[in-house]
Amino acid sequence: MTTSLYFEDFSVGQSFESGGRTITEADLTFFSMLSGDWNPIHADAEFARATRYQQRVVHGTLGIAVATGMLHQLGIFHDSAVAMMSLNEWKFVAPLFVGDTIRLRLEITALDAGSSQRVGKLGRRFVLLNQNDVIVQDGHSDLLIRKRGAA
């Protein structure tokens, strides 16, 4: 069951955390196929063994895609989200590997009611953490969100 939250339900400093999801070999392969990015650091185990990580690195943009899926799974934007407005200052802080279990911490950073009776803007920070609580990705995204009672 989802419980959608609306603009008025949020406050700066509020945070939410998703459950975990383990990145699989299939995730890496399917994302390579979908994106067309077959760079050897992602696709060639022998090549990757000779790098500083000694293994293949999962695409950073796969991390972004999984983070947005985790955001949806929180259920808090199910009926209230209108549009993701931006993806800013995204940092790939640490590598992501097959077998890592990641989760999303969502922090509310800003509220802008604007002049509309229907929608406001929500500032959000996405923090993607691995199984060791290491930040692997970090960035900001504004969301246009419905106000409570808006038609």
Protein backbone atom coordinates (compact mmCIF):
# COMPACT_ATOMS: atom_id res chain seq x y z
CA MET A 1 0.00 0.00 0.00
CA THR A 2 1.30 3.44 -0.87
CA THR A 3 0.76 6.60 1.11
CA SER A 4 1.27 9.57 -1.13
CA LEU A 5 2.51 12.73 0.51
CA TYR A 6 1.76 16.18 -0.86
CA PHE A 7 3.65 19.46 -0.74
CA GLU A 8 2.24 20.40 2.67
CA ASP A 9 3.32 17.08 4.19
CA PHE A 10 7.04 17.77 3.77
CA SER A 11 9.51 19.75 5.84
CA VAL A 12 13.13 20.68 5.26
CA GLY A 13 15.39 18.12 6.92
CA GLN A 14 12.90 15.28 6.63
CA SER A 15 14.39 12.02 5.37
CA PHE A 16 13.22 8.68 4.04
CA GLU A 17 15.13 5.48 3.35
CA SER A 18 14.37 2.66 0.92
CA GLY A 19 14.99 -1.01 1.37
CA GLY A 20 18.06 -2.57 -0.19
CA ARG A 21 18.58 -3.97 -3.66
CA THR A 22 21.51 -6.12 -4.75
CA ILE A 23 23.05 -5.25 -8.12
CA THR A 24 23.30 -8.40 -10.23
CA GLU A 25 25.23 -9.58 -13.24
CA ALA A 26 21.98 -9.41 -15.19
CA ASP A 27 21.52 -5.74 -14.18
CA LEU A 28 24.98 -4.90 -15.54
CA THR A 29 24.43 -6.81 -18.80
CA PHE A 30 20.93 -5.50 -19.43
CA PHE A 31 22.02 -1.93 -18.75
CA SER A 32 24.91 -2.33 -21.21
CA MET A 33 22.41 -3.56 -23.79
CA LEU A 34 19.90 -0.79 -23.07
CA SER A 35 22.44 2.04 -23.03
CA GLY A 36 24.78 0.67 -25.69
CA ASP A 37 27.69 1.35 -23.31
CA TRP A 38 29.98 -1.65 -23.62
CA ASN A 39 33.08 0.10 -22.29
CA PRO A 40 35.53 -2.60 -21.18
CA ILE A 41 35.48 -1.36 -17.56
CA HIS A 42 31.85 -2.56 -17.52
CA ALA A 43 31.89 -5.47 -19.96
CA ASP A 44 35.35 -7.10 -20.03
CA ALA A 45 36.32 -8.96 -16.86
CA GLU A 46 39.91 -9.52 -18.04
CA PHE A 47 40.39 -5.86 -18.86
CA ALA A 48 38.82 -4.81 -15.55
CA ARG A 49 41.12 -7.16 -13.58
CA ALA A 50 44.05 -5.00 -14.68
CA THR A 51 42.44 -1.78 -13.36
CA ARG A 52 42.70 -0.28 -9.90
CA TYR A 53 39.35 -1.90 -8.95
CA GLN A 54 40.38 -5.37 -10.21
CA GLN A 55 36.80 -6.02 -11.28
CA ARG A 56 34.12 -4.59 -13.53
CA VAL A 57 32.49 -1.37 -12.40
CA VAL A 58 28.74 -0.98 -12.77
CA HIS A 59 27.64 2.00 -14.90
CA GLY A 60 27.17 5.11 -12.80
CA THR A 61 23.98 5.89 -14.67
CA LEU A 62 22.59 2.50 -13.64
CA GLY A 63 22.92 3.76 -10.06
CA ILE A 64 20.81 6.79 -10.97
CA ALA A 65 18.18 4.57 -12.60
CA VAL A 66 18.01 2.25 -9.59
CA ALA A 67 17.80 5.26 -7.24
CA THR A 68 14.74 6.58 -9.10
CA GLY A 69 13.17 3.13 -8.88
CA MET A 70 13.81 3.04 -5.15
CA LEU A 71 12.25 6.48 -4.91
CA HIS A 72 9.10 5.09 -6.51
CA GLN A 73 9.08 2.13 -4.14
CA LEU A 74 8.93 4.49 -1.16
CA GLY A 75 5.37 5.20 -2.33
CA ILE A 76 5.37 8.77 -1.03
CA PHE A 77 5.13 10.34 -4.50
CA HIS A 78 2.79 7.81 -6.12
CA ASP A 79 -0.20 10.13 -6.59
CA SER A 80 1.44 13.49 -5.93
CA ALA A 81 4.48 13.77 -8.22
CA VAL A 82 3.97 15.88 -11.33
CA ALA A 83 7.46 16.02 -12.84
CA MET A 84 11.11 15.58 -11.95
CA MET A 85 12.50 19.00 -12.84
CA SER A 86 16.23 18.48 -12.57
CA LEU A 87 19.15 16.26 -11.72
CA ASN A 88 21.94 18.46 -10.35
CA GLU A 89 25.41 18.15 -8.90
CA TRP A 90 25.38 14.37 -9.26
CA LYS A 91 28.57 12.85 -7.93
CA PHE A 92 29.87 9.34 -8.42
CA VAL A 93 31.63 9.15 -5.07
CA ALA A 94 32.64 5.49 -4.96
CA PRO A 95 32.43 2.61 -7.44
CA LEU A 96 29.43 0.34 -7.66
CA PHE A 97 30.09 -3.37 -8.23
CA VAL A 98 28.06 -6.46 -9.07
CA GLY A 99 27.04 -7.91 -5.71
CA ASP A 100 26.73 -4.55 -3.94
CA THR A 101 23.48 -4.01 -2.06
CA ILE A 102 22.41 -0.41 -2.30
CA ARG A 103 19.68 1.69 -0.75
CA LEU A 104 18.46 5.25 -1.19
CA ARG A 105 18.32 7.92 1.48
CA LEU A 106 16.12 10.79 0.36
CA GLU A 107 16.49 14.10 2.17
CA ILE A 108 14.17 17.08 1.74
CA THR A 109 16.34 20.17 1.21
CA ALA A 110 13.93 22.92 0.14
CA LEU A 111 10.27 23.82 -0.18
CA ASP A 112 9.02 26.45 -2.61
CA ALA A 113 5.24 26.97 -2.57
CA GLY A 114 5.42 29.37 -5.51
CA SER A 115 2.26 31.14 -6.64
CA SER A 116 0.35 28.13 -7.99
CA GLN A 117 -2.62 26.79 -6.06
CA ARG A 118 -2.00 23.35 -7.54
CA VAL A 119 1.74 22.59 -7.27
CA GLY A 120 4.90 23.47 -5.40
CA LYS A 121 8.57 22.62 -5.80
CA LEU A 122 10.36 20.19 -3.53
CA GLY A 123 14.16 20.17 -3.27
CA ARG A 124 15.56 16.68 -2.69
CA ARG A 125 18.97 15.16 -2.08
CA PHE A 126 19.50 11.56 -3.19
CA VAL A 127 22.16 9.63 -1.29
CA LEU A 128 22.86 6.14 -2.62
CA LEU A 129 24.60 3.96 -0.01
CA ASN A 130 26.12 0.51 -0.32
CA GLN A 131 26.01 -2.38 2.16
CA ASN A 132 28.92 -0.84 4.11
CA ASP A 133 27.10 2.50 4.51
CA VAL A 134 29.53 4.07 2.03
CA ILE A 135 28.04 6.81 -0.13
CA VAL A 136 28.44 5.66 -3.74
CA GLN A 137 26.39 8.41 -5.39
CA ASP A 138 25.00 11.74 -4.26
CA GLY A 139 22.98 14.39 -6.03
CA HIS A 140 20.04 16.75 -6.03
CA SER A 141 16.72 16.67 -7.85
CA ASP A 142 13.84 19.14 -7.77
CA LEU A 143 10.31 17.79 -8.01
CA LEU A 144 7.13 19.53 -9.04
CA ILE A 145 4.57 18.12 -6.61
CA ARG A 146 0.83 18.52 -6.09
CA LYS A 147 -0.51 20.49 -3.20
CA ARG A 148 -3.11 18.80 -1.01
CA GLY A 149 -6.62 19.21 -2.39
CA ALA A 150 -5.44 20.30 -5.86
CA ALA A 151 -7.65 19.07 -8.68
